[in-house]
C-alpha atoms as a PDB file:
ATOM      1  CA  UNK A   1      87.025  88.450 117.956  1.00  0.00           C
ATOM      2  CA  UNK A   2      87.878  90.101 121.068  1.00  0.00           C
ATOM      3  CA  UNK A   3      87.233  92.947 123.332  1.00  0.00           C
ATOM      4  CA  UNK A   4      89.202  96.093 122.758  1.00  0.00           C
ATOM      5  CA  UNK A   5      88.415  97.330 126.197  1.00  0.00           C
ATOM      6  CA  UNK A   6      86.907  96.163 129.503  1.00  0.00           C
ATOM      7  CA  UNK A   7      84.538  98.869 130.674  1.00  0.00           C
ATOM      8  CA  UNK A   8      84.315  98.484 134.354  1.00  0.00           C
ATOM      9  CA  UNK A   9      85.187 100.238 137.653  1.00  0.00           C
ATOM     10  CA  UNK A  10      86.423  99.944 141.320  1.00  0.00           C
ATOM     11  CA  UNK A  11      83.619 100.448 143.717  1.00  0.00           C
ATOM     12  CA  UNK A  12      85.705 102.094 146.376  1.00  0.00           C
ATOM     13  CA  UNK A  13      86.996 104.780 144.093  1.00  0.00           C
ATOM     14  CA  UNK A  14      84.921 107.830 143.060  1.00  0.00           C
ATOM     15  CA  UNK A  15      86.560 108.138 139.634  1.00  0.00           C
ATOM     16  CA  UNK A  16      85.679 104.755 138.115  1.00  0.00           C
ATOM     17  CA  UNK A  17      82.168 104.938 139.363  1.00  0.00           C
ATOM     18  CA  UNK A  18      81.067 106.839 136.343  1.00  0.00           C
ATOM     19  CA  UNK A  19      82.407 104.136 134.091  1.00  0.00           C
ATOM     20  CA  UNK A  20      80.419 101.287 135.601  1.00  0.00           C
ATOM     21  CA  UNK A  21      77.381 100.354 133.580  1.00  0.00           C
ATOM     22  CA  UNK A  22      74.201 101.400 135.235  1.00  0.00           C
ATOM     23  CA  UNK A  23      71.925  98.795 133.471  1.00  0.00           C
ATOM     24  CA  UNK A  24      71.780  95.401 135.023  1.00  0.00           C
ATOM     25  CA  UNK A  25      71.830  92.733 132.242  1.00  0.00           C
ATOM     26  CA  UNK A  26      70.510  89.184 132.511  1.00  0.00           C
ATOM     27  CA  UNK A  27      73.234  86.695 133.529  1.00  0.00           C
ATOM     28  CA  UNK A  28      73.435  84.975 130.165  1.00  0.00           C
ATOM     29  CA  UNK A  29      73.792  88.289 128.404  1.00  0.00           C
ATOM     30  CA  UNK A  30      76.216  89.804 130.823  1.00  0.00           C
ATOM     31  CA  UNK A  31      78.835  87.150 130.208  1.00  0.00           C
ATOM     32  CA  UNK A  32      78.693  87.769 126.570  1.00  0.00           C
ATOM     33  CA  UNK A  33      79.904  91.342 127.172  1.00  0.00           C
ATOM     34  CA  UNK A  34      77.513  93.051 124.678  1.00  0.00           C
ATOM     35  CA  UNK A  35      78.837  96.521 125.449  1.00  0.00           C
ATOM     36  CA  UNK A  36      82.035  95.644 123.815  1.00  0.00           C
ATOM     37  CA  UNK A  37      80.731  94.373 120.548  1.00  0.00           C
ATOM     38  CA  UNK A  38      79.689  97.618 118.774  1.00  0.00           C
ATOM     39  CA  UNK A  39      83.289  98.824 118.582  1.00  0.00           C
ATOM     40  CA  UNK A  40      84.366  95.543 117.085  1.00  0.00           C
ATOM     41  CA  UNK A  41      81.618  95.770 114.472  1.00  0.00           C
ATOM     42  CA  UNK A  42      82.637  99.411 113.658  1.00  0.00           C
ATOM     43  CA  UNK A  43      86.196  98.268 112.892  1.00  0.00           C
ATOM     44  CA  UNK A  44      84.778  95.416 110.839  1.00  0.00           C
ATOM     45  CA  UNK A  45      82.760  97.828 108.665  1.00  0.00           C
ATOM     46  CA  UNK A  46      85.901  99.999 108.545  1.00  0.00           C
ATOM     47  CA  UNK A  47      87.772  97.128 107.009  1.00  0.00           C
ATOM     48  CA  UNK A  48      84.954  96.667 104.461  1.00  0.00           C
ATOM     49  CA  UNK A  49      84.958 100.307 103.501  1.00  0.00           C
ATOM     50  CA  UNK A  50      88.624 100.147 102.689  1.00  0.00           C
ATOM     51  CA  UNK A  51      88.028  97.704  99.860  1.00  0.00           C
ATOM     52  CA  UNK A  52      86.983  98.290  96.253  1.00  0.00           C
ATOM     53  CA  UNK A  53      83.878  96.091  96.975  1.00  0.00           C
ATOM     54  CA  UNK A  54      82.268  98.593  99.200  1.00  0.00           C
ATOM     55  CA  UNK A  55      79.343  98.918  99.711  1.00  0.00           C
ATOM     56  CA  UNK A  56      78.556  95.267 100.292  1.00  0.00           C
ATOM     57  CA  UNK A  57      75.438  93.325  99.399  1.00  0.00           C
ATOM     58  CA  UNK A  58      73.020  93.724 102.397  1.00  0.00           C
ATOM     59  CA  UNK A  59      72.749  90.019 103.057  1.00  0.00           C
ATOM     60  CA  UNK A  60      76.597  89.518 103.106  1.00  0.00           C
ATOM     61  CA  UNK A  61      76.956  92.575 105.302  1.00  0.00           C
ATOM     62  CA  UNK A  62      74.347  91.267 107.772  1.00  0.00           C
ATOM     63  CA  UNK A  63      75.881  87.778 107.956  1.00  0.00           C
ATOM     64  CA  UNK A  64      79.308  89.214 108.638  1.00  0.00           C
ATOM     65  CA  UNK A  65      77.969  91.564 111.459  1.00  0.00           C
ATOM     66  CA  UNK A  66      75.842  88.752 112.920  1.00  0.00           C
ATOM     67  CA  UNK A  67      78.583  86.072 112.734  1.00  0.00           C
ATOM     68  CA  UNK A  68      81.117  88.591 114.110  1.00  0.00           C
ATOM     69  CA  UNK A  69      78.887  89.509 116.979  1.00  0.00           C
ATOM     70  CA  UNK A  70      78.452  85.870 117.995  1.00  0.00           C
ATOM     71  CA  UNK A  71      82.165  85.261 117.804  1.00  0.00           C
ATOM     72  CA  UNK A  72      82.795  88.172 120.011  1.00  0.00           C
ATOM     73  CA  UNK A  73      80.137  87.045 122.464  1.00  0.00           C
ATOM     74  CA  UNK A  74      81.600  83.583 122.641  1.00  0.00           C
ATOM     75  CA  UNK A  75      85.002  85.052 123.424  1.00  0.00           C
ATOM     76  CA  UNK A  76      83.426  87.073 126.179  1.00  0.00           C
ATOM     77  CA  UNK A  77      81.751  84.002 127.727  1.00  0.00           C
ATOM     78  CA  UNK A  78      84.923  82.046 127.510  1.00  0.00           C
ATOM     79  CA  UNK A  79      86.840  84.850 129.091  1.00  0.00           C
ATOM     80  CA  UNK A  80      84.429  84.981 131.998  1.00  0.00           C
ATOM     81  CA  UNK A  81      84.716  81.223 132.498  1.00  0.00           C
ATOM     82  CA  UNK A  82      88.565  81.371 132.512  1.00  0.00           C
ATOM     83  CA  UNK A  83      88.739  84.298 134.908  1.00  0.00           C
ATOM     84  CA  UNK A  84      85.838  83.183 137.213  1.00  0.00           C
ATOM     85  CA  UNK A  85      88.062  82.676 140.280  1.00  0.00           C
ATOM     86  CA  UNK A  86      89.991  85.874 139.672  1.00  0.00           C
ATOM     87  CA  UNK A  87      86.751  87.846 139.260  1.00  0.00           C
ATOM     88  CA  UNK A  88      85.528  86.530 142.528  1.00  0.00           C
ATOM     89  CA  UNK A  89      88.549  88.122 144.233  1.00  0.00           C
ATOM     90  CA  UNK A  90      88.400  91.478 142.638  1.00  0.00           C
ATOM     91  CA  UNK A  91      86.088  94.036 144.128  1.00  0.00           C
ATOM     92  CA  UNK A  92      84.924  95.437 140.815  1.00  0.00           C
ATOM     93  CA  UNK A  93      84.068  91.933 139.368  1.00  0.00           C
ATOM     94  CA  UNK A  94      82.938  89.978 142.364  1.00  0.00           C
ATOM     95  CA  UNK A  95      79.251  90.554 141.496  1.00  0.00           C
ATOM     96  CA  UNK A  96      79.590  89.239 137.909  1.00  0.00           C
ATOM     97  CA  UNK A  97      77.265  86.371 136.842  1.00  0.00           C
ATOM     98  CA  UNK A  98      79.654  83.476 137.381  1.00  0.00           C
ATOM     99  CA  UNK A  99      81.430  84.419 140.648  1.00  0.00           C
ATOM    100  CA  UNK A 100      78.112  85.535 142.131  1.00  0.00           C
ATOM    101  CA  UNK A 101      76.486  82.206 141.247  1.00  0.00           C
ATOM    102  CA  UNK A 102      73.697  83.737 139.076  1.00  0.00           C
ATOM    103  CA  UNK A 103      75.002  81.552 136.137  1.00  0.00           C
ATOM    104  CA  UNK A 104      76.263  78.119 136.269  1.00  0.00           C
ATOM    105  CA  UNK A 105      79.568  77.168 134.610  1.00  0.00           C
ATOM    106  CA  UNK A 106      77.864  74.434 132.544  1.00  0.00           C
ATOM    107  CA  UNK A 107      75.277  76.880 131.243  1.00  0.00           C
ATOM    108  CA  UNK A 108      78.009  79.387 130.354  1.00  0.00           C
ATOM    109  CA  UNK A 109      80.151  76.795 128.537  1.00  0.00           C
ATOM    110  CA  UNK A 110      77.044  75.586 126.556  1.00  0.00           C
ATOM    111  CA  UNK A 111      76.444  79.232 125.555  1.00  0.00           C
ATOM    112  CA  UNK A 112      80.028  79.685 124.426  1.00  0.00           C
ATOM    113  CA  UNK A 113      79.970  76.487 122.366  1.00  0.00           C
ATOM    114  CA  UNK A 114      76.641  77.324 120.874  1.00  0.00           C
ATOM    115  CA  UNK A 115      77.673  80.824 119.918  1.00  0.00           C
ATOM    116  CA  UNK A 116      81.008  79.588 118.405  1.00  0.00           C
ATOM    117  CA  UNK A 117      79.312  77.044 116.169  1.00  0.00           C
ATOM    118  CA  UNK A 118      76.615  79.442 115.134  1.00  0.00           C
ATOM    119  CA  UNK A 119      79.214  82.085 114.349  1.00  0.00           C
ATOM    120  CA  UNK A 120      81.203  79.735 112.143  1.00  0.00           C
ATOM    121  CA  UNK A 121      78.130  78.446 110.273  1.00  0.00           C
ATOM    122  CA  UNK A 122      76.731  82.003 109.643  1.00  0.00           C
ATOM    123  CA  UNK A 123      80.139  83.157 108.398  1.00  0.00           C
ATOM    124  CA  UNK A 124      80.896  80.052 106.138  1.00  0.00           C
ATOM    125  CA  UNK A 125      77.484  79.832 104.631  1.00  0.00           C
ATOM    126  CA  UNK A 126      76.691  83.549 104.488  1.00  0.00           C
ATOM    127  CA  UNK A 127      80.116  85.035 103.832  1.00  0.00           C
ATOM    128  CA  UNK A 128      83.235  82.901 103.154  1.00  0.00           C
ATOM    129  CA  UNK A 129      85.635  80.559 104.846  1.00  0.00           C
ATOM    130  CA  UNK A 130      88.450  83.150 105.261  1.00  0.00           C
ATOM    131  CA  UNK A 131      86.081  85.454 107.236  1.00  0.00           C
ATOM    132  CA  UNK A 132      85.025  82.584 109.474  1.00  0.00           C
ATOM    133  CA  UNK A 133      88.670  81.459 110.014  1.00  0.00           C
ATOM    134  CA  UNK A 134      89.713  84.948 111.027  1.00  0.00           C
ATOM    135  CA  UNK A 135      86.775  85.402 113.430  1.00  0.00           C
ATOM    136  CA  UNK A 136      87.663  82.095 114.960  1.00  0.00           C
ATOM    137  CA  UNK A 137      91.255  83.118 115.125  1.00  0.00           C
ATOM    138  CA  UNK A 138      90.296  86.287 116.985  1.00  0.00           C
ATOM    139  CA  UNK A 139      88.289  84.393 119.474  1.00  0.00           C
ATOM    140  CA  UNK A 140      91.165  81.969 120.153  1.00  0.00           C
ATOM    141  CA  UNK A 141      93.776  84.698 120.428  1.00  0.00           C
ATOM    142  CA  UNK A 142      91.725  86.538 122.995  1.00  0.00           C
ATOM    143  CA  UNK A 143      90.993  83.621 125.175  1.00  0.00           C
ATOM    144  CA  UNK A 144      94.337  81.786 124.767  1.00  0.00           C
ATOM    145  CA  UNK A 145      96.883  84.329 123.889  1.00  0.00           C
ATOM    146  CA  UNK A 146      95.673  87.351 125.992  1.00  0.00           C
ATOM    147  CA  UNK A 147      93.575  85.982 128.840  1.00  0.00           C
ATOM    148  CA  UNK A 148      95.356  82.786 129.625  1.00  0.00           C
ATOM    149  CA  UNK A 149      98.984  83.457 128.561  1.00  0.00           C
ATOM    150  CA  UNK A 150      99.807  87.098 128.711  1.00  0.00           C
ATOM    151  CA  UNK A 151      97.445  88.888 131.011  1.00  0.00           C
ATOM    152  CA  UNK A 152      98.838  87.231 134.264  1.00  0.00           C
ATOM    153  CA  UNK A 153     102.443  87.262 133.118  1.00  0.00           C
ATOM    154  CA  UNK A 154     103.562  90.553 131.535  1.00  0.00           C
ATOM    155  CA  UNK A 155     103.061  94.312 131.570  1.00  0.00           C
ATOM    156  CA  UNK A 156     103.055  94.034 127.737  1.00  0.00           C
ATOM    157  CA  UNK A 157      99.904  91.821 127.819  1.00  0.00           C
ATOM    158  CA  UNK A 158      97.752  94.420 126.021  1.00  0.00           C
ATOM    159  CA  UNK A 159     100.403  95.350 123.525  1.00  0.00           C
ATOM    160  CA  UNK A 160     100.793  91.908 122.274  1.00  0.00           C
ATOM    161  CA  UNK A 161      97.290  90.669 123.197  1.00  0.00           C
ATOM    162  CA  UNK A 162      96.016  93.579 121.069  1.00  0.00           C
ATOM    163  CA  UNK A 163      96.335  91.335 118.120  1.00  0.00           C
ATOM    164  CA  UNK A 164      92.943  89.788 118.883  1.00  0.00           C
ATOM    165  CA  UNK A 165      91.090  93.175 119.053  1.00  0.00           C
ATOM    166  CA  UNK A 166      92.688  94.155 115.678  1.00  0.00           C
ATOM    167  CA  UNK A 167      91.381  91.093 113.771  1.00  0.00           C
ATOM    168  CA  UNK A 168      87.846  92.525 113.054  1.00  0.00           C
ATOM    169  CA  UNK A 169      89.028  94.787 110.186  1.00  0.00           C
ATOM    170  CA  UNK A 170      90.605  91.708 108.524  1.00  0.00           C
ATOM    171  CA  UNK A 171      87.280  89.919 108.937  1.00  0.00           C
ATOM    172  CA  UNK A 172      85.526  92.787 107.212  1.00  0.00           C
ATOM    173  CA  UNK A 173      88.080  92.954 104.350  1.00  0.00           C
ATOM    174  CA  UNK A 174      87.856  89.128 103.880  1.00  0.00           C
ATOM    175  CA  UNK A 175      83.991  89.391 103.803  1.00  0.00           C
ATOM    176  CA  UNK A 176      84.139  92.098 101.171  1.00  0.00           C
ATOM    177  CA  UNK A 177      86.704  90.616  98.799  1.00  0.00           C
ATOM    178  CA  UNK A 178      87.762  87.170  99.939  1.00  0.00           C
ATOM    179  CA  UNK A 179      91.356  88.265 100.459  1.00  0.00           C
ATOM    180  CA  UNK A 180      93.354  90.561 102.609  1.00  0.00           C
ATOM    181  CA  UNK A 181      94.877  93.769 100.892  1.00  0.00           C
ATOM    182  CA  UNK A 182      97.346  96.031 102.502  1.00  0.00           C
ATOM    183  CA  UNK A 183      94.748  98.545 103.408  1.00  0.00           C
ATOM    184  CA  UNK A 184      93.157  96.013 105.706  1.00  0.00           C
ATOM    185  CA  UNK A 185      96.513  95.399 107.303  1.00  0.00           C
ATOM    186  CA  UNK A 186      96.801  99.181 107.872  1.00  0.00           C
ATOM    187  CA  UNK A 187      93.590  99.381 109.922  1.00  0.00           C
ATOM    188  CA  UNK A 188      94.713  96.188 111.835  1.00  0.00           C
ATOM    189  CA  UNK A 189      97.927  97.976 112.706  1.00  0.00           C
ATOM    190  CA  UNK A 190      96.147 101.187 113.580  1.00  0.00           C
ATOM    191  CA  UNK A 191      93.927  99.213 115.988  1.00  0.00           C
ATOM    192  CA  UNK A 192      97.077  97.505 117.421  1.00  0.00           C
ATOM    193  CA  UNK A 193      98.839 100.821 118.265  1.00  0.00           C
ATOM    194  CA  UNK A 194      95.640 102.355 119.536  1.00  0.00           C
ATOM    195  CA  UNK A 195      94.922  99.661 122.005  1.00  0.00           C
ATOM    196  CA  UNK A 196      97.682 100.348 124.523  1.00  0.00           C
ATOM    197  CA  UNK A 197      96.829 104.036 125.076  1.00  0.00           C
ATOM    198  CA  UNK A 198      93.159 103.134 125.318  1.00  0.00           C
ATOM    199  CA  UNK A 199      93.468 100.270 127.714  1.00  0.00           C
ATOM    200  CA  UNK A 200      96.201 101.918 129.893  1.00  0.00           C
ATOM    201  CA  UNK A 201      94.025 104.854 130.490  1.00  0.00           C
ATOM    202  CA  UNK A 202      91.503 102.450 132.002  1.00  0.00           C
ATOM    203  CA  UNK A 203      94.120 100.632 133.809  1.00  0.00           C
ATOM    204  CA  UNK A 204      95.078 103.936 135.558  1.00  0.00           C
ATOM    205  CA  UNK A 205      91.596 104.072 137.049  1.00  0.00           C
ATOM    206  CA  UNK A 206      91.706 100.458 138.019  1.00  0.00           C
ATOM    207  CA  UNK A 207      95.348  99.909 139.100  1.00  0.00           C
ATOM    208  CA  UNK A 208      94.633  99.238 142.820  1.00  0.00           C
ATOM    209  CA  UNK A 209      92.122  96.554 141.939  1.00  0.00           C
ATOM    210  CA  UNK A 210      94.637  94.947 139.595  1.00  0.00           C
ATOM    211  CA  UNK A 211      97.355  95.264 142.324  1.00  0.00           C
ATOM    212  CA  UNK A 212      95.170  93.506 144.895  1.00  0.00           C
ATOM    213  CA  UNK A 213      95.178  90.219 142.846  1.00  0.00           C
ATOM    214  CA  UNK A 214      98.625  90.469 141.397  1.00  0.00           C
ATOM    215  CA  UNK A 215      97.708  91.184 137.748  1.00  0.00           C
ATOM    216  CA  UNK A 216     100.937  92.900 136.290  1.00  0.00           C
ATOM    217  CA  UNK A 217      99.261  95.816 134.421  1.00  0.00           C
ATOM    218  CA  UNK A 218     101.678  98.496 133.518  1.00  0.00           C
ATOM    219  CA  UNK A 219     100.624 101.117 136.098  1.00  0.00           C
ATOM    220  CA  UNK A 220     100.857  98.344 138.777  1.00  0.00           C
ATOM    221  CA  UNK A 221     104.445  97.355 138.007  1.00  0.00           C
ATOM    222  CA  UNK A 222     105.906 100.618 136.571  1.00  0.00           C
ATOM    223  CA  UNK A 223     103.738 103.212 138.258  1.00  0.00           C
ATOM    224  CA  UNK A 224     101.318 105.899 137.038  1.00  0.00           C
ATOM    225  CA  UNK A 225     103.843 108.302 135.581  1.00  0.00           C
ATOM    226  CA  UNK A 226     105.560 105.672 133.450  1.00  0.00           C
ATOM    227  CA  UNK A 227     102.070 104.586 132.190  1.00  0.00           C
ATOM    228  CA  UNK A 228     101.141 108.071 131.270  1.00  0.00           C
ATOM    229  CA  UNK A 229     104.281 108.557 129.325  1.00  0.00           C
ATOM    230  CA  UNK A 230     103.639 105.332 127.449  1.00  0.00           C
ATOM    231  CA  UNK A 231     100.054 106.502 126.680  1.00  0.00           C
ATOM    232  CA  UNK A 232     101.532 109.780 125.280  1.00  0.00           C
ATOM    233  CA  UNK A 233     103.920 107.876 122.986  1.00  0.00           C
ATOM    234  CA  UNK A 234     101.363 105.348 121.782  1.00  0.00           C
ATOM    235  CA  UNK A 235      99.045 108.293 121.062  1.00  0.00           C
ATOM    236  CA  UNK A 236     101.591 109.909 118.776  1.00  0.00           C
ATOM    237  CA  UNK A 237     102.147 106.524 116.977  1.00  0.00           C
ATOM    238  CA  UNK A 238      98.363 106.198 116.606  1.00  0.00           C
ATOM    239  CA  UNK A 239      97.978 109.722 115.154  1.00  0.00           C
ATOM    240  CA  UNK A 240     100.960 109.051 112.697  1.00  0.00           C
ATOM    241  CA  UNK A 241      99.462 105.673 111.701  1.00  0.00           C
ATOM    242  CA  UNK A 242      96.066 107.195 111.139  1.00  0.00           C
ATOM    243  CA  UNK A 243      97.287 109.530 108.480  1.00  0.00           C
ATOM    244  CA  UNK A 244      98.188 106.608 106.221  1.00  0.00           C
ATOM    245  CA  UNK A 245      94.401 106.248 105.751  1.00  0.00           C
ATOM    246  CA  UNK A 246      94.710 108.968 103.086  1.00  0.00           C
ATOM    247  CA  UNK A 247      96.318 106.404 100.678  1.00  0.00           C
ATOM    248  CA  UNK A 248      94.758 103.294 102.146  1.00  0.00           C
ATOM    249  CA  UNK A 249      91.378 104.295 100.872  1.00  0.00           C
ATOM    250  CA  UNK A 250      90.411 103.448  97.279  1.00  0.00           C
ATOM    251  CA  UNK A 251      88.678 106.843  97.058  1.00  0.00           C
ATOM    252  CA  UNK A 252      87.920 109.799  99.205  1.00  0.00           C
ATOM    253  CA  UNK A 253      91.201 109.769 101.056  1.00  0.00           C
ATOM    254  CA  UNK A 254      91.545 113.562 100.839  1.00  0.00           C
ATOM    255  CA  UNK A 255      88.323 113.916 102.732  1.00  0.00           C
ATOM    256  CA  UNK A 256      89.335 111.331 105.434  1.00  0.00           C
ATOM    257  CA  UNK A 257      92.589 113.277 105.841  1.00  0.00           C
ATOM    258  CA  UNK A 258      90.867 116.586 106.457  1.00  0.00           C
ATOM    259  CA  UNK A 259      88.339 115.053 108.790  1.00  0.00           C
ATOM    260  CA  UNK A 260      90.673 113.085 110.882  1.00  0.00           C
ATOM    261  CA  UNK A 261      92.707 116.144 111.928  1.00  0.00           C
ATOM    262  CA  UNK A 262      90.389 117.293 114.839  1.00  0.00           C
ATOM    263  CA  UNK A 263      90.272 113.684 116.113  1.00  0.00           C
ATOM    264  CA  UNK A 264      93.942 113.412 116.206  1.00  0.00           C
ATOM    265  CA  UNK A 265      94.332 116.894 117.842  1.00  0.00           C
ATOM    266  CA  UNK A 266      92.058 115.943 120.592  1.00  0.00           C
ATOM    267  CA  UNK A 267      93.764 112.651 121.231  1.00  0.00           C
ATOM    268  CA  UNK A 268      97.104 114.419 121.675  1.00  0.00           C
ATOM    269  CA  UNK A 269      95.660 117.076 123.806  1.00  0.00           C
ATOM    270  CA  UNK A 270      94.187 114.618 126.315  1.00  0.00           C
ATOM    271  CA  UNK A 271      97.332 112.436 126.390  1.00  0.00           C
ATOM    272  CA  UNK A 272      99.412 115.558 127.110  1.00  0.00           C
ATOM    273  CA  UNK A 273      97.012 116.554 129.829  1.00  0.00           C
ATOM    274  CA  UNK A 274      97.107 113.081 131.370  1.00  0.00           C
ATOM    275  CA  UNK A 275     100.990 113.229 131.432  1.00  0.00           C
ATOM    276  CA  UNK A 276     100.882 116.460 133.423  1.00  0.00           C
ATOM    277  CA  UNK A 277      98.928 114.757 136.186  1.00  0.00           C
ATOM    278  CA  UNK A 278      98.671 110.942 135.885  1.00  0.00           C
ATOM    279  CA  UNK A 279      96.974 110.710 139.287  1.00  0.00           C
ATOM    280  CA  UNK A 280      93.994 112.756 138.395  1.00  0.00           C
ATOM    281  CA  UNK A 281      91.233 110.268 137.650  1.00  0.00           C
ATOM    282  CA  UNK A 282      89.267 112.800 135.647  1.00  0.00           C
ATOM    283  CA  UNK A 283      92.075 113.144 133.117  1.00  0.00           C
ATOM    284  CA  UNK A 284      92.380 109.287 132.782  1.00  0.00           C
ATOM    285  CA  UNK A 285      88.629 108.955 132.348  1.00  0.00           C
ATOM    286  CA  UNK A 286      88.574 111.598 129.725  1.00  0.00           C
ATOM    287  CA  UNK A 287      91.474 109.923 127.848  1.00  0.00           C
ATOM    288  CA  UNK A 288      89.663 106.522 128.046  1.00  0.00           C
ATOM    289  CA  UNK A 289      86.395 107.818 126.816  1.00  0.00           C
ATOM    290  CA  UNK A 290      87.838 109.833 123.981  1.00  0.00           C
ATOM    291  CA  UNK A 291      89.835 106.856 122.825  1.00  0.00           C
ATOM    292  CA  UNK A 292      86.588 104.916 122.356  1.00  0.00           C
ATOM    293  CA  UNK A 293      85.078 107.766 120.393  1.00  0.00           C
ATOM    294  CA  UNK A 294      88.213 108.167 118.448  1.00  0.00           C
ATOM    295  CA  UNK A 295      88.133 104.652 117.019  1.00  0.00           C
ATOM    296  CA  UNK A 296      84.449 104.908 116.279  1.00  0.00           C
ATOM    297  CA  UNK A 297      85.193 108.251 114.526  1.00  0.00           C
ATOM    298  CA  UNK A 298      87.979 106.739 112.438  1.00  0.00           C
ATOM    299  CA  UNK A 299      85.649 104.072 111.201  1.00  0.00           C
ATOM    300  CA  UNK A 300      82.919 106.504 110.429  1.00  0.00           C
ATOM    301  CA  UNK A 301      85.313 108.693 108.409  1.00  0.00           C
ATOM    302  CA  UNK A 302      86.296 105.635 106.380  1.00  0.00           C
ATOM    303  CA  UNK A 303      82.670 105.065 105.557  1.00  0.00           C
ATOM    304  CA  UNK A 304      82.017 108.787 104.817  1.00  0.00           C
ATOM    305  CA  UNK A 305      85.045 108.904 102.534  1.00  0.00           C
ATOM    306  CA  UNK A 306      83.390 106.142 100.420  1.00  0.00           C
ATOM    307  CA  UNK A 307      80.096 107.893 100.013  1.00  0.00           C
ATOM    308  CA  UNK A 308      78.933 109.267  96.550  1.00  0.00           C
ATOM    309  CA  UNK A 309      78.997 112.707  97.975  1.00  0.00           C
ATOM    310  CA  UNK A 310      82.784 112.467  98.753  1.00  0.00           C
ATOM    311  CA  UNK A 311      83.472 110.801  95.489  1.00  0.00           C
ATOM    312  CA  UNK A 312      81.635 113.545  93.599  1.00  0.00           C
ATOM    313  CA  UNK A 313      83.802 116.163  95.172  1.00  0.00           C
ATOM    314  CA  UNK A 314      81.091 117.965  97.141  1.00  0.00           C
ATOM    315  CA  UNK A 315      82.431 117.549 100.676  1.00  0.00           C
ATOM    316  CA  UNK A 316      81.491 120.925 102.125  1.00  0.00           C
ATOM    317  CA  UNK A 317      78.597 119.631 104.338  1.00  0.00           C
ATOM    318  CA  UNK A 318      80.542 116.599 105.421  1.00  0.00           C
ATOM    319  CA  UNK A 319      83.568 118.577 106.329  1.00  0.00           C
ATOM    320  CA  UNK A 320      81.634 121.168 108.250  1.00  0.00           C
ATOM    321  CA  UNK A 321      79.714 118.349 110.143  1.00  0.00           C
ATOM    322  CA  UNK A 322      82.939 116.403 111.069  1.00  0.00           C
ATOM    323  CA  UNK A 323      84.794 119.513 112.199  1.00  0.00           C
ATOM    324  CA  UNK A 324      82.048 120.210 114.721  1.00  0.00           C
ATOM    325  CA  UNK A 325      81.680 116.576 115.742  1.00  0.00           C
ATOM    326  CA  UNK A 326      84.837 116.055 117.601  1.00  0.00           C
ATOM    327  CA  UNK A 327      84.563 119.203 119.865  1.00  0.00           C
ATOM    328  CA  UNK A 328      80.948 118.467 120.622  1.00  0.00           C
ATOM    329  CA  UNK A 329      81.620 114.871 121.585  1.00  0.00           C
ATOM    330  CA  UNK A 330      84.540 115.870 123.839  1.00  0.00           C
ATOM    331  CA  UNK A 331      82.448 118.315 125.733  1.00  0.00           C
END
């Protein structure tokens, strides 16, 4: 499994400062990138909710989430190892555990190996071999496909490399049923098209840091205006793709369809605002933050749509709560 974002900032710029985590983590935990794991687990649960087997047995559910967390953590450690030299040259990452010397390479590699082995064992023994294989595929695609191959070579790195971040829904579906139905591939596709708009909003904030070390992120190569236009287009594709959840759900699709509308409206509003002034860091930051909440929200709606209350046709309270949720979170 893989990170769907790198939440970080440039120290010399006032805009990203609000994004930098304020809590200092132990070196061994920092390299595992624990702040990225909750969103991956949310999409894993979303993949489960799309199957007829939902809700899962608590033991199987716990094993899936624990195994997935360890696979994601292993991917984070390997990413830090691969990019240690690059991190040391970038202002925003020079104080990370490996380039700063707070953690030795040997220790980090041993941690990555241990997490990978433990993840596979938990998923094989507690879930099934397909879920374990997909989690391992996500790990490898993040480290080898995105980090090593695509990131230093092409502006489309996150478009193609987003495959890794979209694998958790497949892990969830495999854990629930032992196979992959078309609904799980829908959520995989939704995460794929969501990823560029999400990541490029962050890249707008960090483009000078990427430029300083020659990483060809889209705003570095094509400029801020082109990047904002691309974010706008991918936001529209994300909104269109999200509506297919109405038929992807085994039940409760009508409820999901109603509740997703304010989330989509806010995403389009923020992407339009960013296109008006791509150089305004506040607009980029708002887009970035909402994109995170948006994907969490999609997964929450998938779970809500499968509740007995939704199935029983008594959605009034759920609808009212969700319609107030999006504006409150945006504020």
